[in-house]
C-alpha atoms as a PDB file:
ATOM      1  CA  MET A   1      30.500-101.831  54.770  1.00  0.00           C
ATOM      2  CA  ALA A   2      28.939-101.895  58.212  1.00  0.00           C
ATOM      3  CA  THR A   3      30.527 -99.493  60.635  1.00  0.00           C
ATOM      4  CA  SER A   4      31.195-102.381  62.997  1.00  0.00           C
ATOM      5  CA  ASP A   5      33.592-103.727  60.338  1.00  0.00           C
ATOM      6  CA  ALA A   6      35.411-100.404  60.021  1.00  0.00           C
ATOM      7  CA  ASP A   7      38.767 -99.890  61.670  1.00  0.00           C
ATOM      8  CA  TRP A   8      41.779 -97.584  61.585  1.00  0.00           C
ATOM      9  CA  ASP A   9      43.607 -99.814  59.098  1.00  0.00           C
ATOM     10  CA  ALA A  10      41.134 -99.750  56.208  1.00  0.00           C
ATOM     11  CA  PRO A  11      41.156 -97.860  53.585  1.00  0.00           C
ATOM     12  CA  LEU A  12      41.411 -94.314  54.981  1.00  0.00           C
ATOM     13  CA  ASP A  13      44.653 -95.214  56.728  1.00  0.00           C
ATOM     14  CA  MET A  14      46.401 -95.859  53.420  1.00  0.00           C
ATOM     15  CA  GLY A  15      46.435 -92.298  52.101  1.00  0.00           C
ATOM     16  CA  GLY A  16      49.990 -91.261  52.932  1.00  0.00           C
ATOM     17  CA  GLU A  17      51.266 -87.922  54.174  1.00  0.00           C
ATOM     18  CA  ALA A  18      48.297 -85.849  53.014  1.00  0.00           C
ATOM     19  CA  PHE A  19      45.961 -87.924  55.185  1.00  0.00           C
ATOM     20  CA  GLU A  20      48.029 -87.658  58.337  1.00  0.00           C
ATOM     21  CA  LEU A  21      45.627 -84.937  59.372  1.00  0.00           C
ATOM     22  CA  LEU A  22      42.898 -87.587  59.641  1.00  0.00           C
ATOM     23  CA  ARG A  23      44.935 -89.066  62.504  1.00  0.00           C
ATOM     24  CA  SER A  24      45.777 -85.720  64.069  1.00  0.00           C
ATOM     25  CA  PRO A  25      42.713 -83.847  65.325  1.00  0.00           C
ATOM     26  CA  ARG A  26      44.788 -80.753  66.169  1.00  0.00           C
ATOM     27  CA  LYS A  27      46.236 -80.628  62.657  1.00  0.00           C
ATOM     28  CA  ALA A  28      42.750 -81.204  61.230  1.00  0.00           C
ATOM     29  CA  TRP A  29      41.441 -78.382  63.454  1.00  0.00           C
ATOM     30  CA  ILE A  30      44.060 -75.994  62.048  1.00  0.00           C
ATOM     31  CA  TYR A  31      43.260 -77.017  58.462  1.00  0.00           C
ATOM     32  CA  THR A  32      39.525 -76.608  59.129  1.00  0.00           C
ATOM     33  CA  TYR A  33      40.020 -73.202  60.733  1.00  0.00           C
ATOM     34  CA  VAL A  34      42.049 -71.950  57.758  1.00  0.00           C
ATOM     35  CA  HIS A  35      39.478 -73.427  55.377  1.00  0.00           C
ATOM     36  CA  HIS A  36      36.704 -71.418  57.081  1.00  0.00           C
ATOM     37  CA  HIS A  37      38.841 -68.269  57.582  1.00  0.00           C
ATOM     38  CA  SER A  38      40.749 -67.662  54.383  1.00  0.00           C
ATOM     39  CA  ALA A  39      43.833 -65.452  54.528  1.00  0.00           C
ATOM     40  CA  THR A  40      44.379 -66.094  58.221  1.00  0.00           C
ATOM     41  CA  THR A  41      47.646 -65.695  60.127  1.00  0.00           C
ATOM     42  CA  VAL A  42      49.442 -67.977  62.535  1.00  0.00           C
ATOM     43  CA  GLN A  43      48.742 -65.528  65.347  1.00  0.00           C
ATOM     44  CA  GLU A  44      44.992 -65.650  64.636  1.00  0.00           C
ATOM     45  CA  ILE A  45      45.114 -69.445  64.733  1.00  0.00           C
ATOM     46  CA  VAL A  46      47.098 -69.433  67.991  1.00  0.00           C
ATOM     47  CA  GLU A  47      44.680 -67.028  69.677  1.00  0.00           C
ATOM     48  CA  THR A  48      41.456 -68.571  68.397  1.00  0.00           C
ATOM     49  CA  LEU A  49      42.310 -72.254  68.808  1.00  0.00           C
ATOM     50  CA  GLU A  50      44.400 -71.685  71.939  1.00  0.00           C
ATOM     51  CA  LEU A  51      47.304 -73.761  70.649  1.00  0.00           C
ATOM     52  CA  PRO A  52      51.018 -73.186  71.249  1.00  0.00           C
ATOM     53  CA  GLN A  53      52.610 -71.038  68.555  1.00  0.00           C
ATOM     54  CA  ARG A  54      55.374 -73.595  67.858  1.00  0.00           C
ATOM     55  CA  THR A  55      52.746 -76.318  67.333  1.00  0.00           C
ATOM     56  CA  VAL A  56      50.827 -74.134  64.894  1.00  0.00           C
ATOM     57  CA  TYR A  57      53.992 -73.342  62.915  1.00  0.00           C
ATOM     58  CA  ASP A  58      54.933 -77.037  62.787  1.00  0.00           C
ATOM     59  CA  TYR A  59      51.472 -78.070  61.621  1.00  0.00           C
ATOM     60  CA  ILE A  60      51.283 -75.244  59.073  1.00  0.00           C
ATOM     61  CA  ASP A  61      54.616 -76.467  57.655  1.00  0.00           C
ATOM     62  CA  ASP A  62      53.269 -80.047  57.483  1.00  0.00           C
ATOM     63  CA  LEU A  63      50.052 -78.906  55.796  1.00  0.00           C
ATOM     64  CA  GLU A  64      51.987 -76.825  53.279  1.00  0.00           C
ATOM     65  CA  ALA A  65      54.278 -79.772  52.498  1.00  0.00           C
ATOM     66  CA  ALA A  66      51.187 -81.915  51.885  1.00  0.00           C
ATOM     67  CA  ASP A  67      49.833 -79.166  49.577  1.00  0.00           C
ATOM     68  CA  LEU A  68      46.769 -78.653  51.764  1.00  0.00           C
ATOM     69  CA  LEU A  69      47.610 -75.042  52.679  1.00  0.00           C
ATOM     70  CA  GLU A  70      49.512 -72.292  50.955  1.00  0.00           C
ATOM     71  CA  GLN A  71      50.749 -68.861  51.885  1.00  0.00           C
ATOM     72  CA  SER A  72      48.401 -66.464  50.147  1.00  0.00           C
ATOM     73  CA  ASN A  73      50.445 -63.280  50.403  1.00  0.00           C
ATOM     74  CA  ASP A  74      54.050 -62.151  50.056  1.00  0.00           C
ATOM     75  CA  GLY A  75      54.122 -59.966  53.144  1.00  0.00           C
ATOM     76  CA  ARG A  76      54.355 -60.299  56.857  1.00  0.00           C
ATOM     77  CA  PRO A  77      52.583 -61.614  58.701  1.00  0.00           C
ATOM     78  CA  ALA A  78      52.109 -64.571  56.410  1.00  0.00           C
ATOM     79  CA  GLU A  79      48.503 -65.364  55.569  1.00  0.00           C
ATOM     80  CA  TYR A  80      47.340 -68.850  54.682  1.00  0.00           C
ATOM     81  CA  THR A  81      44.558 -70.284  52.549  1.00  0.00           C
ATOM     82  CA  ALA A  82      43.395 -73.901  52.481  1.00  0.00           C
ATOM     83  CA  HIS A  83      43.103 -75.986  49.344  1.00  0.00           C
ATOM     84  CA  GLU A  84      39.888 -77.938  48.852  1.00  0.00           C
ATOM     85  CA  ILE A  85      40.019 -81.652  49.588  1.00  0.00           C
ATOM     86  CA  ASP A  86      37.913 -84.105  47.652  1.00  0.00           C
ATOM     87  CA  LEU A  87      39.805 -87.315  47.061  1.00  0.00           C
ATOM     88  CA  GLN A  88      38.628 -90.824  46.453  1.00  0.00           C
ATOM     89  CA  LEU A  89      40.652 -93.665  47.903  1.00  0.00           C
ATOM     90  CA  VAL A  90      40.075 -97.165  46.567  1.00  0.00           C
ATOM     91  CA  ALA A  91      41.487-100.308  48.177  1.00  0.00           C
ATOM     92  CA  GLY A  92      40.165-103.503  46.617  1.00  0.00           C
ATOM     93  CA  ASP A  93      36.377-103.421  46.835  1.00  0.00           C
ATOM     94  CA  ALA A  94      36.365-100.661  49.452  1.00  0.00           C
ATOM     95  CA  GLU A  95      36.302 -97.026  48.446  1.00  0.00           C
ATOM     96  CA  GLN A  96      36.023 -93.880  50.478  1.00  0.00           C
ATOM     97  CA  ARG A  97      35.955 -90.143  49.814  1.00  0.00           C
ATOM     98  CA  ILE A  98      38.099 -87.798  51.836  1.00  0.00           C
ATOM     99  CA  THR A  99      36.446 -84.383  51.961  1.00  0.00           C
ATOM    100  CA  VAL A 100      36.731 -81.172  53.928  1.00  0.00           C
ATOM    101  CA  ALA A 101      33.687 -82.315  55.918  1.00  0.00           C
ATOM    102  CA  LEU A 102      35.454 -85.531  56.968  1.00  0.00           C
ATOM    103  CA  VAL A 103      38.520 -83.568  58.053  1.00  0.00           C
ATOM    104  CA  GLU A 104      36.286 -81.212  60.028  1.00  0.00           C
ATOM    105  CA  ALA A 105      34.563 -84.148  61.712  1.00  0.00           C
ATOM    106  CA  VAL A 106      37.972 -85.470  62.781  1.00  0.00           C
ATOM    107  CA  ALA A 107      38.903 -82.007  64.044  1.00  0.00           C
ATOM    108  CA  ARG A 108      35.736 -81.784  66.112  1.00  0.00           C
ATOM    109  CA  ARG A 109      36.660 -84.901  68.067  1.00  0.00           C
ATOM    110  CA  ILE A 110      38.867 -82.602  70.173  1.00  0.00           C
ATOM    111  CA  ARG A 111      35.822 -80.795  71.546  1.00  0.00           C
ATOM    112  CA  ASP A 112      32.991 -83.245  70.955  1.00  0.00           C
ATOM    113  CA  ASP A 113      33.038 -86.416  73.027  1.00  0.00           C
ATOM    114  CA  ASP A 114      30.283 -87.970  70.911  1.00  0.00           C
ATOM    115  CA  ILE A 115      32.393 -87.802  67.750  1.00  0.00           C
ATOM    116  CA  ASP A 116      35.477 -88.941  69.653  1.00  0.00           C
ATOM    117  CA  THR A 117      33.659 -91.979  71.048  1.00  0.00           C
ATOM    118  CA  TYR A 118      32.190 -92.820  67.642  1.00  0.00           C
ATOM    119  CA  ILE A 119      35.634 -92.763  66.004  1.00  0.00           C
ATOM    120  CA  ASP A 120      37.038 -94.936  68.793  1.00  0.00           C
ATOM    121  CA  ARG A 121      34.252 -97.489  68.244  1.00  0.00           C
ATOM    122  CA  HIS A 122      33.908 -97.423  64.463  1.00  0.00           C
ATOM    123  CA  GLY A 123      37.123 -95.923  63.063  1.00  0.00           C
ATOM    124  CA  LEU A 124      37.515 -93.381  60.319  1.00  0.00           C
ATOM    125  CA  ASP A 125      35.595 -95.479  57.822  1.00  0.00           C
ATOM    126  CA  GLY A 126      32.668 -95.621  60.222  1.00  0.00           C
ATOM    127  CA  LEU A 127      32.826 -91.854  60.628  1.00  0.00           C
ATOM    128  CA  ALA A 128      32.867 -91.382  56.850  1.00  0.00           C
ATOM    129  CA  VAL A 129      29.793 -93.598  56.535  1.00  0.00           C
ATOM    130  CA  ALA A 130      28.048 -91.667  59.320  1.00  0.00           C
ATOM    131  CA  LEU A 131      28.858 -88.419  57.515  1.00  0.00           C
ATOM    132  CA  GLU A 132      27.148 -89.735  54.381  1.00  0.00           C
ATOM    133  CA  TYR A 133      24.085 -90.559  56.468  1.00  0.00           C
ATOM    134  CA  ALA A 134      24.286 -87.106  58.087  1.00  0.00           C
ATOM    135  CA  HIS A 135      23.895 -85.488  54.641  1.00  0.00           C
ATOM    136  CA  GLU A 136      20.774 -87.538  53.992  1.00  0.00           C
ATOM    137  CA  TYR A 137      19.551 -86.949  57.554  1.00  0.00           C
ATOM    138  CA  ALA A 138      19.882 -83.168  57.153  1.00  0.00           C
ATOM    139  CA  ASP A 139      17.934 -83.409  53.877  1.00  0.00           C
ATOM    140  CA  GLY A 140      15.210 -85.445  55.581  1.00  0.00           C
ATOM    141  CA  ALA A 141      15.858 -88.469  53.357  1.00  0.00           C
ATOM    142  CA  VAL A 142      16.717 -90.843  56.228  1.00  0.00           C
ATOM    143  CA  THR A 143      16.080 -91.077  59.938  1.00  0.00           C
ATOM    144  CA  HIS A 144      18.368 -92.205  62.712  1.00  0.00           C
ATOM    145  CA  HIS A 145      16.324 -95.427  62.842  1.00  0.00           C
ATOM    146  CA  ILE A 146      17.191 -96.192  59.215  1.00  0.00           C
ATOM    147  CA  MET A 147      20.890 -95.572  59.852  1.00  0.00           C
ATOM    148  CA  ALA A 148      20.744 -97.710  62.986  1.00  0.00           C
ATOM    149  CA  ARG A 149      19.139-100.609  61.141  1.00  0.00           C
ATOM    150  CA  GLU A 150      21.412-100.432  58.084  1.00  0.00           C
ATOM    151  CA  GLN A 151      24.617-100.014  60.087  1.00  0.00           C
ATOM    152  CA  ALA A 152      23.802-102.360  62.997  1.00  0.00           C
ATOM    153  CA  LEU A 153      23.859 -99.558  65.570  1.00  0.00           C
ATOM    154  CA  SER A 154      21.521 -98.732  68.393  1.00  0.00           C
ATOM    155  CA  PRO A 155      19.030 -95.995  67.483  1.00  0.00           C
ATOM    156  CA  LEU A 156      20.484 -93.899  70.301  1.00  0.00           C
ATOM    157  CA  GLU A 157      24.038 -94.121  68.930  1.00  0.00           C
ATOM    158  CA  ALA A 158      22.837 -93.324  65.405  1.00  0.00           C
ATOM    159  CA  GLY A 159      20.864 -90.313  66.629  1.00  0.00           C
ATOM    160  CA  VAL A 160      23.761 -89.016  68.723  1.00  0.00           C
ATOM    161  CA  ILE A 161      26.303 -89.152  65.888  1.00  0.00           C
ATOM    162  CA  LEU A 162      23.894 -87.674  63.350  1.00  0.00           C
ATOM    163  CA  ASP A 163      23.183 -84.759  65.687  1.00  0.00           C
ATOM    164  CA  ALA A 164      26.916 -84.300  66.355  1.00  0.00           C
ATOM    165  CA  LEU A 165      27.661 -84.190  62.615  1.00  0.00           C
ATOM    166  CA  ARG A 166      24.748 -81.909  61.694  1.00  0.00           C
ATOM    167  CA  PRO A 167      26.679 -78.619  62.227  1.00  0.00           C
ATOM    168  CA  ILE A 168      29.333 -79.783  59.762  1.00  0.00           C
ATOM    169  CA  ILE A 169      26.718 -80.477  57.109  1.00  0.00           C
ATOM    170  CA  GLU A 170      24.835 -77.238  57.685  1.00  0.00           C
ATOM    171  CA  ASP A 171      27.890 -74.943  57.516  1.00  0.00           C
END
Protein backbone atom coordinates (compact mmCIF):
# COMPACT_ATOMS: atom_id res chain seq x y z
CA MET A 1 0.00 0.00 0.00
CA ALA A 2 1.41 3.39 -0.90
CA THR A 3 1.66 5.75 2.02
CA SER A 4 -0.44 8.26 0.12
CA ASP A 5 -3.31 5.75 0.38
CA ALA A 6 -2.86 5.34 4.13
CA ASP A 7 -5.18 7.07 6.55
CA TRP A 8 -6.28 6.98 10.18
CA ASP A 9 -9.20 4.66 9.40
CA ALA A 10 -7.31 1.69 7.95
CA PRO A 11 -6.37 -1.02 9.44
CA LEU A 12 -4.43 0.22 12.49
CA ASP A 13 -7.48 2.11 13.69
CA MET A 14 -9.45 -1.10 14.13
CA GLY A 15 -7.47 -2.58 17.01
CA GLY A 16 -9.70 -1.69 19.95
CA GLU A 17 -8.71 -0.56 23.43
CA ALA A 18 -5.16 -1.91 23.34
CA PHE A 19 -4.36 0.27 20.34
CA GLU A 20 -5.71 3.48 21.82
CA LEU A 21 -2.12 4.30 22.64
CA LEU A 22 -1.44 4.61 18.90
CA ARG A 23 -3.80 7.60 18.95
CA SER A 24 -2.44 9.03 22.18
CA PRO A 25 1.20 10.10 21.92
CA ARG A 26 1.38 10.86 25.66
CA LYS A 27 0.09 7.40 26.54
CA ALA A 28 2.49 5.89 24.01
CA TRP A 29 5.32 7.93 25.57
CA ILE A 30 4.52 6.50 29.01
CA TYR A 31 4.38 2.94 27.65
CA THR A 32 7.68 3.47 25.80
CA TYR A 33 9.36 4.92 28.88
CA VAL A 34 8.28 1.96 31.03
CA HIS A 35 9.37 -0.43 28.28
CA HIS A 36 12.88 1.09 28.31
CA HIS A 37 13.02 1.51 32.12
CA SER A 38 11.66 -1.65 33.68
CA ALA A 39 10.46 -1.51 37.28
CA THR A 40 9.85 2.23 37.14
CA THR A 41 7.54 4.22 39.42
CA VAL A 42 4.88 6.79 38.67
CA GLN A 43 7.03 9.46 40.29
CA GLU A 44 9.96 8.63 37.98
CA ILE A 45 7.65 8.91 34.98
CA VAL A 46 6.22 12.23 36.22
CA GLU A 47 9.68 13.72 36.78
CA THR A 48 11.32 12.41 33.62
CA LEU A 49 8.49 13.02 31.14
CA GLU A 50 7.31 16.19 32.89
CA LEU A 51 3.67 15.09 32.88
CA PRO A 52 1.03 15.79 35.54
CA GLN A 53 0.85 13.05 38.16
CA ARG A 54 -2.92 12.56 37.70
CA THR A 55 -2.41 12.08 33.94
CA VAL A 56 0.29 9.48 34.54
CA TYR A 57 -1.92 7.57 37.00
CA ASP A 58 -4.85 7.65 34.55
CA TYR A 59 -2.71 6.42 31.67
CA ILE A 60 -1.05 3.74 33.80
CA ASP A 61 -4.54 2.49 34.73
CA ASP A 62 -5.55 2.44 31.04
CA LEU A 63 -2.37 0.60 30.05
CA GLU A 64 -2.86 -1.95 32.82
CA ALA A 65 -6.47 -2.52 31.76
CA ALA A 66 -5.26 -3.13 28.20
CA ASP A 67 -2.68 -5.61 29.59
CA LEU A 68 0.22 -3.55 28.25
CA LEU A 69 1.70 -2.78 31.69
CA GLU A 70 1.67 -4.57 35.00
CA GLN A 71 2.73 -3.76 38.52
CA SER A 72 5.93 -5.68 39.05
CA ASN A 73 6.16 -5.51 42.83
CA ASP A 74 3.88 -5.79 45.86
CA GLY A 75 5.27 -2.81 47.72
CA ARG A 76 5.08 0.92 47.66
CA PRO A 77 5.85 2.77 45.59
CA ALA A 78 4.38 0.60 42.88
CA GLU A 79 6.79 -0.32 40.10
CA TYR A 80 5.65 -1.08 36.58
CA THR A 81 6.94 -3.23 33.75
CA ALA A 82 5.77 -3.17 30.14
CA HIS A 83 4.61 -6.21 28.22
CA GLU A 84 6.05 -6.72 24.74
CA ILE A 85 3.81 -5.81 21.83
CA ASP A 86 3.98 -7.69 18.57
CA LEU A 87 0.54 -8.07 17.07
CA GLN A 88 -0.60 -8.55 13.52
CA LEU A 89 -3.82 -6.90 12.44
CA VAL A 90 -5.47 -8.09 9.24
CA ALA A 91 -8.36 -6.29 7.55
CA GLY A 92 -9.24 -7.74 4.16
CA ASP A 93 -6.12 -7.65 2.01
CA ALA A 94 -4.35 -5.17 4.29
CA GLU A 95 -2.23 -6.35 7.17
CA GLN A 96 -0.06 -4.48 9.60
CA ARG A 97 2.15 -5.32 12.57
CA ILE A 98 1.89 -3.34 15.77
CA THR A 99 5.24 -3.43 17.56
CA VAL A 100 6.99 -1.60 20.37
CA ALA A 101 8.89 0.34 17.70
CA LEU A 102 5.64 1.59 16.15
CA VAL A 103 4.36 2.69 19.55
CA GLU A 104 7.66 4.47 20.19
CA ALA A 105 7.43 6.24 16.83
CA VAL A 106 3.95 7.48 17.78
CA ALA A 107 5.29 8.61 21.16
CA ARG A 108 8.10 10.56 19.52
CA ARG A 109 5.63 12.68 17.57
CA ILE A 110 5.31 14.75 20.77
CA ARG A 111 8.90 15.94 20.47
CA ASP A 112 9.73 15.37 16.82
CA ASP A 113 7.95 17.59 14.31
CA ASP A 114 9.16 15.46 11.40
CA ILE A 115 7.37 12.36 12.71
CA ASP A 116 4.32 14.42 13.64
CA THR A 117 4.09 15.89 10.13
CA TYR A 118 4.60 12.48 8.53
CA ILE A 119 1.76 10.96 10.56
CA ASP A 120 -0.50 13.89 9.68
CA ARG A 121 0.23 13.37 5.97
CA HIS A 122 0.35 9.58 5.75
CA GLY A 123 -1.46 8.22 8.82
CA LEU A 124 -0.44 5.38 11.06
CA ASP A 125 -0.25 2.92 8.19
CA GLY A 126 2.17 5.22 6.40
CA LEU A 127 4.27 5.46 9.55
CA ALA A 128 4.31 1.66 9.89
CA VAL A 129 5.48 1.35 6.29
CA ALA A 130 8.17 3.98 6.88
CA LEU A 131 9.32 2.06 9.95
CA GLU A 132 9.76 -1.07 7.82
CA TYR A 133 11.88 0.95 5.40
CA ALA A 134 13.82 2.41 8.35
CA HIS A 135 14.89 -1.11 9.36
CA GLU A 136 16.19 -1.77 5.86
CA TYR A 137 17.71 1.72 5.69
CA ALA A 138 19.64 1.15 8.94
CA ASP A 139 20.89 -2.17 7.54
CA GLY A 140 22.00 -0.47 4.32
CA ALA A 141 19.59 -2.52 2.21
CA VAL A 142 17.66 0.48 0.85
CA THR A 143 18.24 4.18 0.35
CA HIS A 144 15.88 7.08 0.83
CA HIS A 145 15.66 7.29 -2.97
CA ILE A 146 14.31 3.73 -3.15
CA MET A 147 11.71 4.46 -0.47
CA ALA A 148 10.75 7.69 -2.23
CA ARG A 149 10.26 5.93 -5.55
CA GLU A 150 8.35 2.94 -4.13
CA GLN A 151 6.11 5.03 -1.88
CA ALA A 152 5.56 8.02 -4.20
CA LEU A 153 7.29 10.46 -1.85
CA SER A 154 9.82 13.16 -2.50
CA PRO A 155 13.39 12.04 -1.76
CA LEU A 156 13.59 14.80 0.84
CA GLU A 157 10.51 13.56 2.72
CA ALA A 158 11.75 9.97 2.60
CA GLY A 159 15.18 10.98 3.90
CA VAL A 160 13.71 13.11 6.69
CA ILE A 161 11.41 10.37 8.02
CA LEU A 162 14.09 7.68 7.75
CA ASP A 163 16.50 9.86 9.74
CA ALA A 164 13.78 10.63 12.31
CA LEU A 165 13.04 6.91 12.77
CA ARG A 166 16.68 5.79 12.89
CA PRO A 167 17.07 6.23 16.70
CA ILE A 168 14.11 3.91 17.27
CA ILE A 169 15.67 1.21 15.12
CA GLU A 170 19.12 1.57 16.65
CA ASP A 171 17.98 1.39 20.30
